[in-house]
Protein backbone atom coordinates (compact mmCIF):
# COMPACT_ATOMS: atom_id res chain seq x y z
CA MET A 1 17.00 -51.85 139.50
CA LYS A 2 19.92 -53.68 138.37
CA ARG A 3 17.85 -55.17 135.72
CA LYS A 4 16.90 -51.84 134.75
CA LEU A 5 20.26 -50.76 134.40
CA LYS A 6 21.16 -54.10 132.48
CA LYS A 7 18.85 -53.73 130.02
CA ILE A 8 19.90 -49.93 129.50
CA LEU A 9 23.39 -50.92 129.53
CA LYS A 10 22.85 -53.72 126.70
CA ARG A 11 20.61 -51.35 124.61
CA ILE A 12 23.32 -48.85 124.65
CA GLY A 13 25.84 -51.66 123.51
CA ARG A 14 23.96 -52.43 120.73
CA ILE A 15 23.17 -48.63 119.40
CA LEU A 16 27.50 -48.55 119.53
CA ILE A 17 27.19 -51.59 118.00
CA TRP A 18 25.28 -50.58 115.25
CA ILE A 19 27.06 -47.36 114.91
CA LEU A 20 30.37 -49.12 114.55
CA ALA A 21 28.77 -51.81 111.95
CA GLY A 22 27.42 -48.41 110.32
CA ILE A 23 31.14 -46.83 109.88
CA VAL A 24 32.70 -49.90 108.68
CA LEU A 25 30.41 -50.64 106.06
CA ILE A 26 30.67 -46.63 104.85
CA VAL A 27 34.40 -47.13 105.13
CA LEU A 28 33.93 -50.23 103.01
CA LEU A 29 31.72 -49.24 100.42
CA LEU A 30 33.67 -45.77 99.98
CA TYR A 31 36.82 -48.04 99.80
CA ALA A 32 35.07 -50.21 96.85
CA VAL A 33 33.55 -47.09 95.10
CA GLN A 34 37.19 -45.92 94.73
CA LYS A 35 38.71 -48.73 93.67
CA VAL A 36 35.77 -50.03 90.97
CA PHE A 37 35.15 -46.57 89.45
CA PHE A 38 38.22 -44.58 90.41
CA PRO A 39 41.15 -46.72 90.13
CA GLU A 40 44.82 -44.91 90.17
CA PRO A 41 45.37 -45.77 86.41
CA LYS A 42 42.37 -44.90 85.00
CA ILE A 43 42.91 -41.63 86.31
CA LEU A 44 46.40 -40.95 85.79
CA LYS A 45 45.27 -42.46 81.96
CA ILE A 46 42.41 -38.91 82.07
CA ALA A 47 44.95 -36.51 83.26
CA SER A 48 47.45 -37.62 80.76
CA ASP A 49 44.79 -37.79 77.86
CA SER A 50 43.21 -34.47 79.06
CA VAL A 51 46.76 -32.75 79.17
CA ARG A 52 47.82 -34.19 75.91
CA LYS A 53 44.80 -33.02 73.85
CA THR A 54 44.49 -29.41 75.66
CA THR A 55 48.82 -28.75 75.49
CA GLY A 56 50.14 -31.66 73.57
CA ARG A 57 52.75 -32.15 75.76
CA GLU A 58 53.44 -35.72 77.92
CA LEU A 59 52.11 -36.11 81.25
CA LYS A 60 54.32 -38.39 83.34
CA VAL A 61 53.78 -39.15 86.85
CA ARG A 62 55.51 -42.66 88.78
CA GLY A 63 53.01 -42.87 91.59
CA LEU A 64 49.93 -42.23 92.84
CA SER A 65 47.92 -43.06 95.35
CA TRP A 66 44.48 -41.86 97.37
CA ASN A 67 41.39 -42.95 98.73
CA LEU A 68 37.82 -40.51 99.66
CA LEU A 69 38.63 -40.56 103.42
CA GLY A 70 41.32 -37.46 102.82
CA SER A 71 44.30 -38.60 101.43
CA LEU A 72 46.45 -37.84 97.74
CA ASP A 73 50.15 -39.16 97.35
CA VAL A 74 51.70 -38.13 93.81
CA THR A 75 55.13 -38.77 93.61
CA GLY A 76 57.63 -38.00 90.01
CA VAL A 77 55.64 -35.88 88.12
CA GLU A 78 57.12 -34.56 84.87
CA LEU A 79 55.44 -32.61 82.25
CA GLY A 80 57.46 -32.63 78.55
CA TYR A 81 57.71 -30.57 75.61
CA THR A 82 55.85 -30.04 72.39
CA GLU A 83 57.39 -31.10 69.16
CA ALA A 84 57.75 -27.39 68.55
CA GLU A 85 59.86 -26.74 71.27
CA GLY A 86 61.89 -29.35 71.29
CA SER A 87 63.61 -32.45 72.76
CA TRP A 88 65.23 -31.28 76.15
CA GLU A 89 67.68 -32.92 78.96
CA GLN A 90 64.97 -31.43 81.75
CA PRO A 91 60.95 -30.93 81.52
CA LEU A 92 59.30 -28.04 81.47
CA PHE A 93 57.87 -28.98 84.71
CA SER A 94 58.69 -31.44 87.25
CA VAL A 95 57.66 -32.27 90.95
CA GLU A 96 59.40 -35.02 93.06
CA LYS A 97 56.10 -35.52 95.52
CA VAL A 98 52.79 -34.34 96.29
CA ALA A 99 50.87 -34.94 99.37
CA VAL A 100 47.21 -33.74 100.24
CA ARG A 101 45.36 -34.73 103.52
CA PHE A 102 41.87 -32.87 103.92
CA ARG A 103 38.71 -33.93 105.61
CA ILE A 104 35.08 -35.03 103.40
CA LEU A 105 32.76 -34.66 106.04
CA PRO A 106 32.83 -30.95 106.78
CA LEU A 107 31.79 -30.72 102.84
CA LEU A 108 27.94 -31.46 104.58
CA ARG A 109 28.17 -28.22 106.39
CA ARG A 110 29.29 -26.25 102.63
CA ARG A 111 33.03 -25.89 103.79
CA MET A 112 35.64 -27.58 102.48
CA GLU A 113 38.69 -28.30 105.09
CA VAL A 114 42.35 -28.98 103.59
CA ALA A 115 44.24 -29.89 106.71
CA ASP A 116 47.82 -30.45 104.27
CA ILE A 117 49.13 -29.46 101.58
CA SER A 118 53.34 -30.20 101.06
CA ILE A 119 55.03 -30.07 97.82
CA ASP A 120 58.80 -31.36 97.60
CA ARG A 121 61.80 -29.75 94.99
CA PRO A 122 59.40 -28.69 92.03
CA ALA A 123 61.32 -26.79 89.40
CA VAL A 124 60.46 -25.29 85.95
CA HIS A 125 62.74 -25.28 83.06
CA VAL A 126 62.11 -22.12 80.44
CA VAL A 127 63.75 -22.87 76.68
CA PRO A 128 63.71 -19.93 74.01
CA GLU A 129 60.61 -21.56 72.17
CA LEU A 130 58.68 -21.11 75.22
CA MET A 131 60.16 -16.87 75.14
CA LYS A 132 58.41 -16.59 71.50
CA PRO A 133 55.02 -14.48 71.20
CA GLY A 134 52.15 -16.71 72.04
CA ALA A 135 54.06 -19.45 72.40
CA LEU A 136 52.41 -20.49 76.01
CA THR A 137 48.39 -19.27 75.05
CA LEU A 138 45.74 -19.65 77.06
CA PRO A 139 42.17 -20.57 76.13
CA ARG A 140 40.05 -18.05 75.52
CA GLU A 141 37.59 -17.24 78.20
CA ALA A 142 33.58 -17.24 78.06
CA PRO A 143 32.40 -14.06 77.67
CA PRO A 144 31.36 -11.97 80.89
CA GLU A 145 27.63 -12.40 81.96
CA PRO A 146 25.75 -9.69 80.92
CA ALA A 147 24.80 -6.85 83.08
CA THR A 148 21.93 -6.18 85.51
CA ALA A 149 19.75 -3.72 84.80
CA ASP A 150 19.68 -2.43 88.80
CA THR A 151 23.57 -2.10 88.84
CA GLY A 152 25.17 -1.91 85.76
CA LYS A 153 28.12 -4.44 87.18
CA GLN A 154 28.61 -8.00 86.05
CA GLN A 155 26.93 -9.98 88.82
CA ILE A 156 29.55 -11.69 91.79
CA GLN A 157 28.33 -15.20 92.52
CA PRO A 158 29.44 -16.74 96.57
CA LEU A 159 31.47 -19.56 96.18
CA PRO A 160 29.48 -22.62 96.46
CA VAL A 161 31.68 -23.81 99.76
CA SER A 162 34.20 -21.85 102.50
CA PHE A 163 37.66 -22.98 102.28
CA SER A 164 40.10 -23.58 104.79
CA LEU A 165 44.20 -24.49 104.89
CA SER A 166 45.34 -25.03 107.77
CA ARG A 167 48.98 -25.67 106.32
CA PHE A 168 50.42 -25.22 103.26
CA ARG A 169 54.55 -25.82 102.55
CA LEU A 170 56.55 -25.27 99.17
CA SER A 171 60.38 -26.81 99.31
CA ASP A 172 63.35 -25.72 97.33
CA PHE A 173 61.51 -24.31 94.34
CA GLY A 174 63.80 -24.13 91.13
CA LEU A 175 63.96 -22.13 87.98
CA ASN A 176 65.91 -22.84 85.24
CA LEU A 177 66.10 -20.23 81.68
CA THR A 178 67.66 -20.82 79.36
CA LEU A 179 67.88 -17.84 77.00
CA PRO A 180 67.76 -17.34 73.06
CA ASP A 181 71.75 -17.15 71.46
CA THR A 182 71.45 -13.97 70.60
CA LEU A 183 71.18 -12.40 74.25
CA PRO A 184 74.80 -12.12 75.99
CA LEU A 185 73.60 -14.26 78.60
CA THR A 186 72.69 -18.04 77.79
CA SER A 187 70.95 -19.55 81.34
CA VAL A 188 70.09 -18.10 84.38
CA LYS A 189 69.58 -20.73 86.95
CA MET A 190 67.44 -20.45 90.58
CA ALA A 191 67.04 -22.98 93.55
CA GLY A 192 66.45 -22.91 97.00
CA LEU A 193 63.07 -20.90 97.82
CA CYS A 194 60.23 -21.83 99.78
CA VAL A 195 56.61 -21.08 100.49
CA GLU A 196 55.09 -21.50 104.17
CA LEU A 197 51.09 -20.94 103.95
CA GLU A 198 48.86 -21.55 107.18
CA ASN A 199 45.89 -20.91 109.13
CA LEU A 200 44.31 -19.64 105.61
CA ASN A 201 40.47 -19.46 105.26
CA VAL A 202 38.45 -18.02 102.60
CA PRO A 203 34.38 -17.12 103.69
CA ARG A 204 31.64 -17.85 101.11
CA CYS A 205 31.55 -13.85 100.12
CA PHE A 206 34.88 -14.27 98.16
CA PRO A 207 35.47 -12.48 95.75
CA ASP A 208 32.99 -10.22 96.81
CA THR A 209 34.98 -8.60 99.21
CA PRO A 210 38.01 -9.49 100.85
CA GLU A 211 37.00 -9.46 104.25
CA GLY A 212 37.12 -12.10 106.21
CA ILE A 213 40.32 -13.56 104.76
CA GLN A 214 43.27 -14.98 107.25
CA ALA A 215 46.14 -16.36 106.49
CA ASP A 216 49.57 -16.27 107.34
CA LEU A 217 52.01 -16.20 104.34
CA LYS A 218 56.53 -16.53 105.12
CA CYS A 219 58.64 -16.83 102.25
CA PHE A 220 62.14 -17.40 102.38
CA THR A 221 65.33 -19.24 100.98
CA ARG A 222 67.21 -21.98 102.36
CA GLY A 223 70.58 -22.54 100.92
CA GLY A 224 69.42 -20.71 97.51
CA ARG A 225 71.97 -20.02 94.76
CA ILE A 226 71.41 -17.57 91.59
CA ARG A 227 73.81 -18.88 88.98
CA ILE A 228 74.22 -16.32 86.12
CA GLU A 229 76.07 -17.77 82.75
CA GLY A 230 76.91 -15.35 79.38
CA LYS A 231 79.28 -16.76 76.66
CA ASP A 232 82.34 -15.42 78.13
CA PHE A 233 81.85 -15.06 82.41
CA LYS A 234 79.98 -17.65 84.87
CA GLU A 235 78.84 -15.56 88.34
CA SER A 236 76.86 -16.89 91.42
CA PHE A 237 75.09 -14.99 93.35
CA ILE A 238 73.73 -15.73 96.95
CA PRO A 239 69.84 -14.33 97.52
CA ASP A 240 69.02 -13.64 101.05
CA PHE A 241 64.93 -13.50 101.33
CA GLU A 242 62.22 -13.86 103.93
CA MET A 243 59.11 -12.50 103.53
CA LEU A 244 56.27 -12.68 106.24
CA ALA A 245 51.93 -11.68 105.21
CA GLN A 246 49.56 -11.65 107.89
CA SER A 247 45.87 -11.49 107.37
CA GLY A 248 43.41 -11.39 111.11
CA LYS A 249 39.88 -11.68 111.55
CA ASP A 250 39.20 -7.65 112.02
CA ASN A 251 40.54 -7.08 108.69
CA ARG A 252 44.00 -5.79 109.86
CA TRP A 253 47.36 -6.92 107.87
CA SER A 254 51.04 -6.71 108.05
CA LEU A 255 53.84 -7.20 106.04
CA GLY A 256 57.72 -7.42 106.36
CA MET A 257 59.59 -8.20 103.79
CA LYS A 258 63.67 -8.59 103.43
CA LEU A 259 65.51 -8.95 100.18
CA GLY A 260 69.24 -9.35 99.73
CA LEU A 261 71.70 -10.28 96.91
CA LEU A 262 74.88 -11.15 97.67
CA ARG A 263 77.98 -12.34 95.40
CA GLU A 264 79.01 -15.60 96.73
CA LYS A 265 82.86 -14.81 96.34
CA ASP A 266 82.26 -11.73 98.41
CA PRO A 267 79.30 -12.14 100.55
CA SER A 268 79.82 -8.73 102.23
CA GLY A 269 78.83 -6.71 99.69
CA GLY A 270 75.65 -6.89 97.54
CA LEU A 271 72.44 -4.68 97.61
CA THR A 272 69.76 -5.56 100.93
CA PHE A 273 66.34 -3.72 100.47
CA GLY A 274 63.90 -4.08 103.50
CA LEU A 275 59.87 -3.37 104.11
CA GLU A 276 57.83 -3.21 107.10
CA MET A 277 54.25 -1.88 107.02
CA ASN A 278 50.72 -2.69 108.31
CA GLY A 279 47.38 -1.50 107.46
CA MET A 280 43.67 -2.05 107.26
CA GLY A 281 41.35 -3.37 104.43
CA PRO A 282 42.62 -3.59 101.08
CA ALA A 283 43.51 0.40 100.80
CA ASP A 284 41.49 2.29 103.85
CA SER A 285 44.95 2.92 105.46
CA VAL A 286 48.49 2.30 105.21
CA HIS A 287 51.75 2.95 107.90
CA LEU A 288 55.22 2.37 106.55
CA GLY A 289 56.93 1.44 109.05
CA ARG A 290 60.17 1.22 107.32
CA LEU A 291 61.77 0.95 104.02
CA SER A 292 65.90 0.56 103.49
CA VAL A 293 68.22 -0.14 100.79
CA SER A 294 71.56 -0.61 102.08
CA ALA A 295 75.08 -1.31 99.67
CA GLY A 296 77.19 -3.54 101.77
CA ALA A 297 77.33 -1.44 105.56
CA GLN A 298 75.96 1.70 104.26
CA THR A 299 72.43 2.71 104.42
CA LEU A 300 71.30 4.61 100.79
CA MET A 301 67.79 5.07 101.93
CA ARG A 302 65.49 4.47 104.73
CA ALA A 303 61.42 6.31 105.12
CA THR A 304 58.52 6.16 107.23
CA GLY A 305 54.83 7.11 105.97
CA ASP A 306 51.33 6.85 105.88
CA MET A 307 48.61 6.76 103.33
CA VAL A 308 44.90 7.36 104.37
CA MET A 309 41.74 6.74 101.78
CA GLU A 310 39.55 10.26 102.49
CA GLU A 311 36.45 10.19 100.32
CA ARG A 312 38.32 7.62 97.74
CA ILE A 313 41.36 10.11 97.42
CA PRO A 314 44.60 9.03 99.02
CA ARG A 315 46.37 11.14 101.68
CA PHE A 316 50.29 10.66 101.83
CA ARG A 317 52.91 11.64 104.38
CA VAL A 318 56.37 10.44 103.28
CA ASP A 319 59.64 11.41 105.15
CA PHE A 320 63.14 10.29 103.73
CA ALA A 321 66.22 10.08 105.59
CA GLY A 322 69.66 8.25 104.99
CA ASP A 323 73.32 8.23 106.27
CA SER A 324 76.21 9.74 104.39
CA VAL A 325 77.12 7.76 101.14
CA ARG A 326 80.77 7.05 100.21
CA ILE A 327 81.52 7.12 97.17
CA GLY A 328 84.04 4.74 96.84
CA GLU A 329 82.85 1.78 99.19
CA LEU A 330 79.27 2.24 97.17
CA ILE A 331 81.25 1.47 94.29
CA ARG A 332 83.14 -1.32 95.34
CA SER A 333 79.88 -3.05 97.17
CA VAL A 334 77.62 -2.80 94.11
CA ARG A 335 79.76 -3.17 90.94
CA PRO A 336 80.51 -6.86 90.85
CA LEU A 337 76.44 -7.38 90.80
CA PHE A 338 76.31 -6.04 87.12
């Protein structure tokens, strides 16, 4: 009995050793393939040449590190301007750091799983040349597929794989607008916008039908500022922004949002917009829990209501209310914003 048990244990041990050796061999092969056929300098050169050829812009990347087992890290990304747009102190687009963590084994089940994406301090600088008509032209799309005889509509193919994203984080997004000299405003600068997305699941049936999509989205400001400069004035505002959107398995969704614009010198004034709503499907039914507009301590408007689709015709019900508005205080609250 003991001899049989020893033989079984030896066989199990040998199997485990072979499995471990196979895993190590696969890891080494993947590492060798990555280093031989897809080294970081080669990838950077291909990306830079492709961007230069298609857009005429220079792409600079300070660092790139990745492996086939599930990680990608990029630092110091800068996208420059074309010769026609001139030379500027800030690049058109920049990112301090991008980190991606993903899994490759689920691809065997036709499923793409990304564990985490984080983007730190992205910034966009728009210059006057980019505001001219046709400055940012995109390549023409291929003509649509011919309509089928049965439906008379363009066929929509399902996704090759389903997609899931556990967490996406964008922190401290900045936007700088340098306006043309013909305008009274010379520049607008915004900073501190953050975006968080969690538990995103996209089935293969998308985009034929949005049913089954799940996600939790949150947008907010953290230490945000909006600075407006003109030829003879400067003003700074504090944006108070927060948005939470959720979509569940049962095709129900909810949306809550708060948007306030307060003057930095006098935060007690300013305008505030609030919204709370939920519904079923893309537009099957919508319940408006609260829609409000406030100036300082005064509520200018409150609204609640519902919308229901009946045989493709929407039916609305909206109730409006509000406080008695003191015109003098309203002017004092709103005037600094203009």
